[in-house]
């Protein structure tokens, strides 16, 4: 507050316009940074039950190789 009184920034239209433009730029930059920092929401993936590798074959030996 003392800075604004010391510079007389808000005492003229030029100073008010300069302050408003500065606030708008800061607001837009902050909004952009907030949007980039948010994580994307995604739908959870559906987990498909895994099929057993040997499909009922004993000890992992394929049936055509058994004697």
PDB file of N, CA and C in Angstrom:
ATOM      1  N   UNK A   1       0.826  -1.191   0.000  1.00  0.00           N
ATOM      2  CA  UNK A   1       0.000   0.000   0.000  1.00  0.00           C
ATOM      3  C   UNK A   1       0.877   1.266   0.000  1.00  0.00           C
ATOM      4  N   UNK A   2       1.949   1.197   0.788  1.00  0.00           N
ATOM      5  CA  UNK A   2       2.855   2.357   0.837  1.00  0.00           C
ATOM      6  C   UNK A   2       3.496   2.594  -0.529  1.00  0.00           C
ATOM      7  N   UNK A   3       3.769   1.508  -1.259  1.00  0.00           N
ATOM      8  CA  UNK A   3       4.364   1.639  -2.592  1.00  0.00           C
ATOM      9  C   UNK A   3       3.423   2.399  -3.523  1.00  0.00           C
ATOM     10  N   UNK A   4       2.123   2.067  -3.480  1.00  0.00           N
ATOM     11  CA  UNK A   4       1.154   2.758  -4.337  1.00  0.00           C
ATOM     12  C   UNK A   4       1.049   4.237  -3.977  1.00  0.00           C
ATOM     13  N   UNK A   5       1.106   4.543  -2.691  1.00  0.00           N
ATOM     14  CA  UNK A   5       1.064   5.950  -2.278  1.00  0.00           C
ATOM     15  C   UNK A   5       2.353   6.670  -2.673  1.00  0.00           C
ATOM     16  N   UNK A   6       3.482   5.976  -2.551  1.00  0.00           N
ATOM     17  CA  UNK A   6       4.769   6.584  -2.857  1.00  0.00           C
ATOM     18  C   UNK A   6       4.910   6.869  -4.350  1.00  0.00           C
ATOM     19  N   UNK A   7       4.430   5.951  -5.205  1.00  0.00           N
ATOM     20  CA  UNK A   7       4.578   6.155  -6.638  1.00  0.00           C
ATOM     21  C   UNK A   7       3.437   6.960  -7.244  1.00  0.00           C
ATOM     22  N   UNK A   8       2.375   7.164  -6.514  1.00  0.00           N
ATOM     23  CA  UNK A   8       1.166   7.840  -7.025  1.00  0.00           C
ATOM     24  C   UNK A   8       0.646   7.122  -8.271  1.00  0.00           C
ATOM     25  N   UNK A   9       0.743   5.797  -8.258  1.00  0.00           N
ATOM     26  CA  UNK A   9       0.390   5.005  -9.422  1.00  0.00           C
ATOM     27  C   UNK A   9      -1.103   5.062  -9.716  1.00  0.00           C
ATOM     28  N   UNK A  10      -1.917   5.119  -8.676  1.00  0.00           N
ATOM     29  CA  UNK A  10      -3.367   5.119  -8.877  1.00  0.00           C
ATOM     30  C   UNK A  10      -3.956   6.533  -8.915  1.00  0.00           C
ATOM     31  N   UNK A  11      -3.113   7.532  -9.084  1.00  0.00           N
ATOM     32  CA  UNK A  11      -3.623   8.898  -9.087  1.00  0.00           C
ATOM     33  C   UNK A  11      -3.951   9.402 -10.498  1.00  0.00           C
ATOM     34  N   UNK A  12      -3.634   8.621 -11.528  1.00  0.00           N
ATOM     35  CA  UNK A  12      -3.940   9.036 -12.895  1.00  0.00           C
ATOM     36  C   UNK A  12      -4.522   7.854 -13.661  1.00  0.00           C
ATOM     37  N   UNK A  13      -5.185   8.161 -14.769  1.00  0.00           N
ATOM     38  CA  UNK A  13      -5.763   7.099 -15.598  1.00  0.00           C
ATOM     39  C   UNK A  13      -4.680   6.208 -16.183  1.00  0.00           C
ATOM     40  N   UNK A  14      -3.562   6.808 -16.482  1.00  0.00           N
ATOM     41  CA  UNK A  14      -2.450   6.037 -17.027  1.00  0.00           C
ATOM     42  C   UNK A  14      -1.947   5.019 -16.001  1.00  0.00           C
ATOM     43  N   UNK A  15      -1.811   5.425 -14.779  1.00  0.00           N
ATOM     44  CA  UNK A  15      -1.363   4.532 -13.714  1.00  0.00           C
ATOM     45  C   UNK A  15      -2.385   3.438 -13.426  1.00  0.00           C
ATOM     46  N   UNK A  16      -3.672   3.795 -13.448  1.00  0.00           N
ATOM     47  CA  UNK A  16      -4.740   2.812 -13.219  1.00  0.00           C
ATOM     48  C   UNK A  16      -4.744   1.790 -14.348  1.00  0.00           C
ATOM     49  N   UNK A  17      -4.610   2.250 -15.597  1.00  0.00           N
ATOM     50  CA  UNK A  17      -4.588   1.346 -16.734  1.00  0.00           C
ATOM     51  C   UNK A  17      -3.367   0.420 -16.661  1.00  0.00           C
ATOM     52  N   UNK A  18      -2.226   0.963 -16.291  1.00  0.00           N
ATOM     53  CA  UNK A  18      -1.011   0.163 -16.158  1.00  0.00           C
ATOM     54  C   UNK A  18      -1.179  -0.916 -15.089  1.00  0.00           C
ATOM     55  N   UNK A  19      -1.771  -0.553 -13.977  1.00  0.00           N
ATOM     56  CA  UNK A  19      -2.008  -1.517 -12.896  1.00  0.00           C
ATOM     57  C   UNK A  19      -2.999  -2.598 -13.329  1.00  0.00           C
ATOM     58  N   UNK A  20      -4.058  -2.204 -14.023  1.00  0.00           N
ATOM     59  CA  UNK A  20      -5.062  -3.168 -14.473  1.00  0.00           C
ATOM     60  C   UNK A  20      -4.469  -4.149 -15.479  1.00  0.00           C
ATOM     61  N   UNK A  21      -3.682  -3.652 -16.411  1.00  0.00           N
ATOM     62  CA  UNK A  21      -3.056  -4.528 -17.407  1.00  0.00           C
ATOM     63  C   UNK A  21      -2.090  -5.494 -16.716  1.00  0.00           C
ATOM     64  N   UNK A  22      -1.346  -5.007 -15.756  1.00  0.00           N
ATOM     65  CA  UNK A  22      -0.430  -5.869 -15.013  1.00  0.00           C
ATOM     66  C   UNK A  22      -1.172  -6.976 -14.271  1.00  0.00           C
ATOM     67  N   UNK A  23      -2.288  -6.632 -13.630  1.00  0.00           N
ATOM     68  CA  UNK A  23      -3.076  -7.635 -12.922  1.00  0.00           C
ATOM     69  C   UNK A  23      -3.683  -8.662 -13.879  1.00  0.00           C
ATOM     70  N   UNK A  24      -4.118  -8.204 -15.035  1.00  0.00           N
ATOM     71  CA  UNK A  24      -4.689  -9.129 -16.030  1.00  0.00           C
ATOM     72  C   UNK A  24      -3.623 -10.109 -16.521  1.00  0.00           C
ATOM     73  N   UNK A  25      -2.436  -9.610 -16.792  1.00  0.00           N
ATOM     74  CA  UNK A  25      -1.350 -10.482 -17.263  1.00  0.00           C
ATOM     75  C   UNK A  25      -0.999 -11.519 -16.201  1.00  0.00           C
ATOM     76  N   UNK A  26      -0.889 -11.088 -14.952  1.00  0.00           N
ATOM     77  CA  UNK A  26      -0.573 -12.018 -13.868  1.00  0.00           C
ATOM     78  C   UNK A  26      -1.682 -13.060 -13.716  1.00  0.00           C
ATOM     79  N   UNK A  27      -2.934 -12.638 -13.812  1.00  0.00           N
ATOM     80  CA  UNK A  27      -4.064 -13.566 -13.675  1.00  0.00           C
ATOM     81  C   UNK A  27      -4.060 -14.609 -14.789  1.00  0.00           C
ATOM     82  N   UNK A  28      -3.836 -14.182 -16.022  1.00  0.00           N
ATOM     83  CA  UNK A  28      -3.822 -15.110 -17.157  1.00  0.00           C
ATOM     84  C   UNK A  28      -2.659 -16.094 -17.025  1.00  0.00           C
ATOM     85  N   UNK A  29      -1.484 -15.613 -16.657  1.00  0.00           N
ATOM     86  CA  UNK A  29      -0.342 -16.501 -16.489  1.00  0.00           C
ATOM     87  C   UNK A  29      -0.575 -17.520 -15.373  1.00  0.00           C
ATOM     88  N   UNK A  30      -1.156 -17.088 -14.280  1.00  0.00           N
ATOM     89  CA  UNK A  30      -1.438 -18.007 -13.178  1.00  0.00           C
ATOM     90  C   UNK A  30      -2.451 -19.061 -13.600  1.00  0.00           C
ATOM     91  N   UNK A  31      -3.473 -18.678 -14.345  1.00  0.00           N
ATOM     92  CA  UNK A  31      -4.477 -19.627 -14.817  1.00  0.00           C
ATOM     93  C   UNK A  31      -3.849 -20.673 -15.740  1.00  0.00           C
ATOM     94  N   UNK A  32      -2.957 -20.237 -16.616  1.00  0.00           N
ATOM     95  CA  UNK A  32      -2.268 -21.168 -17.517  1.00  0.00           C
ATOM     96  C   UNK A  32      -1.411 -22.135 -16.713  1.00  0.00           C
ATOM     97  N   UNK A  33      -0.671 -21.635 -15.747  1.00  0.00           N
ATOM     98  CA  UNK A  33       0.179 -22.501 -14.941  1.00  0.00           C
ATOM     99  C   UNK A  33      -0.641 -23.483 -14.119  1.00  0.00           C
ATOM    100  N   UNK A  34      -1.780 -23.069 -13.601  1.00  0.00           N
ATOM    101  CA  UNK A  34      -2.647 -23.958 -12.834  1.00  0.00           C
ATOM    102  C   UNK A  34      -3.180 -25.060 -13.729  1.00  0.00           C
ATOM    103  N   UNK A  35      -3.607 -24.729 -14.935  1.00  0.00           N
ATOM    104  CA  UNK A  35      -4.149 -25.743 -15.836  1.00  0.00           C
ATOM    105  C   UNK A  35      -3.089 -26.758 -16.245  1.00  0.00           C
ATOM    106  N   UNK A  36      -1.858 -26.316 -16.479  1.00  0.00           N
ATOM    107  CA  UNK A  36      -0.801 -27.243 -16.862  1.00  0.00           C
ATOM    108  C   UNK A  36      -0.357 -28.121 -15.701  1.00  0.00           C
ATOM    109  N   UNK A  37      -0.541 -27.636 -14.471  1.00  0.00           N
ATOM    110  CA  UNK A  37      -0.090 -28.423 -13.329  1.00  0.00           C
ATOM    111  C   UNK A  37      -1.128 -29.433 -12.871  1.00  0.00           C
ATOM    112  N   UNK A  38      -2.361 -29.343 -13.331  1.00  0.00           N
ATOM    113  CA  UNK A  38      -3.390 -30.300 -12.930  1.00  0.00           C
ATOM    114  C   UNK A  38      -3.190 -31.617 -13.670  1.00  0.00           C
ATOM    115  N   UNK A  39      -3.450 -32.709 -12.955  1.00  0.00           N
ATOM    116  CA  UNK A  39      -3.322 -34.023 -13.594  1.00  0.00           C
ATOM    117  C   UNK A  39      -4.589 -34.329 -14.375  1.00  0.00           C
ATOM    118  N   UNK A  40      -4.403 -35.082 -15.427  1.00  0.00           N
ATOM    119  CA  UNK A  40      -5.534 -35.470 -16.261  1.00  0.00           C
ATOM    120  C   UNK A  40      -6.315 -36.566 -15.565  1.00  0.00           C
ATOM    121  N   UNK A  41      -7.625 -36.472 -15.585  1.00  0.00           N
ATOM    122  CA  UNK A  41      -8.467 -37.515 -15.021  1.00  0.00           C
ATOM    123  C   UNK A  41      -8.753 -38.532 -16.116  1.00  0.00           C
ATOM    124  N   UNK A  42      -8.523 -39.780 -15.805  1.00  0.00           N
ATOM    125  CA  UNK A  42      -8.768 -40.819 -16.796  1.00  0.00           C
ATOM    126  C   UNK A  42      -9.653 -41.887 -16.180  1.00  0.00           C
ATOM    127  N   UNK A  43     -10.307 -42.631 -17.041  1.00  0.00           N
ATOM    128  CA  UNK A  43     -11.133 -43.729 -16.560  1.00  0.00           C
ATOM    129  C   UNK A  43     -10.222 -44.899 -16.218  1.00  0.00           C
ATOM    130  N   UNK A  44     -10.513 -45.606 -15.152  1.00  0.00           N
ATOM    131  CA  UNK A  44      -9.642 -46.728 -14.794  1.00  0.00           C
ATOM    132  C   UNK A  44      -9.713 -47.827 -15.837  1.00  0.00           C
ATOM    133  N   UNK A  45      -8.591 -48.479 -16.060  1.00  0.00           N
ATOM    134  CA  UNK A  45      -8.547 -49.553 -17.050  1.00  0.00           C
ATOM    135  C   UNK A  45      -9.235 -50.791 -16.487  1.00  0.00           C
ATOM    136  N   UNK A  46      -9.861 -51.537 -17.368  1.00  0.00           N
ATOM    137  CA  UNK A  46     -10.509 -52.770 -16.951  1.00  0.00           C
ATOM    138  C   UNK A  46      -9.464 -53.875 -16.914  1.00  0.00           C
ATOM    139  N   UNK A  47      -9.414 -54.574 -15.801  1.00  0.00           N
ATOM    140  CA  UNK A  47      -8.444 -55.652 -15.645  1.00  0.00           C
ATOM    141  C   UNK A  47      -9.105 -56.944 -16.097  1.00  0.00           C
ATOM    142  N   UNK A  48      -8.526 -57.549 -17.119  1.00  0.00           N
ATOM    143  CA  UNK A  48      -9.033 -58.805 -17.660  1.00  0.00           C
ATOM    144  C   UNK A  48      -8.332 -59.937 -16.922  1.00  0.00           C
ATOM    145  N   UNK A  49      -9.090 -60.924 -16.415  1.00  0.00           N
ATOM    146  CA  UNK A  49      -8.420 -62.029 -15.715  1.00  0.00           C
ATOM    147  C   UNK A  49      -7.463 -62.762 -16.645  1.00  0.00           C
ATOM    148  N   UNK A  50      -6.284 -63.031 -16.150  1.00  0.00           N
ATOM    149  CA  UNK A  50      -5.253 -63.689 -16.961  1.00  0.00           C
ATOM    150  C   UNK A  50      -5.607 -65.157 -17.154  1.00  0.00           C
ATOM    151  N   UNK A  51      -5.358 -65.651 -18.355  1.00  0.00           N
ATOM    152  CA  UNK A  51      -5.582 -67.059 -18.654  1.00  0.00           C
ATOM    153  C   UNK A  51      -4.371 -67.843 -18.170  1.00  0.00           C
ATOM    154  N   UNK A  52      -4.578 -69.009 -17.575  1.00  0.00           N
ATOM    155  CA  UNK A  52      -3.413 -69.802 -17.149  1.00  0.00           C
ATOM    156  C   UNK A  52      -2.600 -70.239 -18.360  1.00  0.00           C
ATOM    157  N   UNK A  53      -1.295 -70.238 -18.204  1.00  0.00           N
ATOM    158  CA  UNK A  53      -0.414 -70.536 -19.343  1.00  0.00           C
ATOM    159  C   UNK A  53      -0.496 -71.991 -19.775  1.00  0.00           C
ATOM    160  N   UNK A  54      -0.603 -72.944 -18.793  1.00  0.00           N
ATOM    161  CA  UNK A  54      -0.572 -74.349 -19.181  1.00  0.00           C
ATOM    162  C   UNK A  54      -1.971 -74.911 -19.455  1.00  0.00           C
ATOM    163  N   UNK A  55      -3.015 -74.188 -19.160  1.00  0.00           N
ATOM    164  CA  UNK A  55      -4.400 -74.557 -19.432  1.00  0.00           C
ATOM    165  C   UNK A  55      -4.695 -76.002 -19.044  1.00  0.00           C
ATOM    166  N   UNK A  56      -4.345 -76.363 -17.819  1.00  0.00           N
ATOM    167  CA  UNK A  56      -4.671 -77.684 -17.307  1.00  0.00           C
ATOM    168  C   UNK A  56      -3.662 -78.759 -17.639  1.00  0.00           C
ATOM    169  N   UNK A  57      -2.598 -78.431 -18.331  1.00  0.00           N
ATOM    170  CA  UNK A  57      -1.585 -79.417 -18.671  1.00  0.00           C
ATOM    171  C   UNK A  57      -0.694 -79.625 -17.456  1.00  0.00           C
ATOM    172  N   UNK A  58      -0.386 -80.853 -17.109  1.00  0.00           N
ATOM    173  CA  UNK A  58       0.422 -81.103 -15.912  1.00  0.00           C
ATOM    174  C   UNK A  58       1.871 -80.665 -16.104  1.00  0.00           C
ATOM    175  N   UNK A  59       2.389 -80.011 -15.088  1.00  0.00           N
ATOM    176  CA  UNK A  59       3.797 -79.597 -14.963  1.00  0.00           C
ATOM    177  C   UNK A  59       4.322 -78.800 -16.160  1.00  0.00           C
ATOM    178  N   UNK A  60       3.451 -78.131 -16.886  1.00  0.00           N
ATOM    179  CA  UNK A  60       3.895 -77.262 -17.960  1.00  0.00           C
ATOM    180  C   UNK A  60       4.358 -77.983 -19.196  1.00  0.00           C
ATOM    181  N   UNK A  61       4.199 -79.287 -19.287  1.00  0.00           N
ATOM    182  CA  UNK A  61       4.616 -80.029 -20.475  1.00  0.00           C
ATOM    183  C   UNK A  61       3.427 -80.134 -21.402  1.00  0.00           C
ATOM    184  N   UNK A  62       3.530 -79.717 -22.630  1.00  0.00           N
ATOM    185  CA  UNK A  62       2.387 -79.803 -23.547  1.00  0.00           C
ATOM    186  C   UNK A  62       1.955 -81.259 -23.741  1.00  0.00           C
ATOM    187  N   UNK A  63       0.651 -81.454 -23.957  1.00  0.00           N
ATOM    188  CA  UNK A  63       0.098 -82.801 -24.051  1.00  0.00           C
ATOM    189  C   UNK A  63       0.631 -83.574 -25.267  1.00  0.00           C
ATOM    190  N   UNK A  64       0.930 -82.907 -26.348  1.00  0.00           N
ATOM    191  CA  UNK A  64       1.417 -83.599 -27.530  1.00  0.00           C
ATOM    192  C   UNK A  64       2.853 -84.098 -27.341  1.00  0.00           C
ATOM    193  N   UNK A  65       3.584 -83.535 -26.362  1.00  0.00           N
ATOM    194  CA  UNK A  65       4.946 -83.953 -26.083  1.00  0.00           C
ATOM    195  C   UNK A  65       5.004 -85.055 -25.017  1.00  0.00           C
ATOM    196  N   UNK A  66       3.871 -85.314 -24.332  1.00  0.00           N
ATOM    197  CA  UNK A  66       3.858 -86.335 -23.291  1.00  0.00           C
ATOM    198  C   UNK A  66       3.833 -87.722 -23.904  1.00  0.00           C
ATOM    199  N   UNK A  67       4.404 -88.742 -23.171  1.00  0.00           N
ATOM    200  CA  UNK A  67       4.422 -90.124 -23.684  1.00  0.00           C
ATOM    201  C   UNK A  67       3.481 -90.995 -22.930  1.00  0.00           C
TER     202      UNK A  67
END
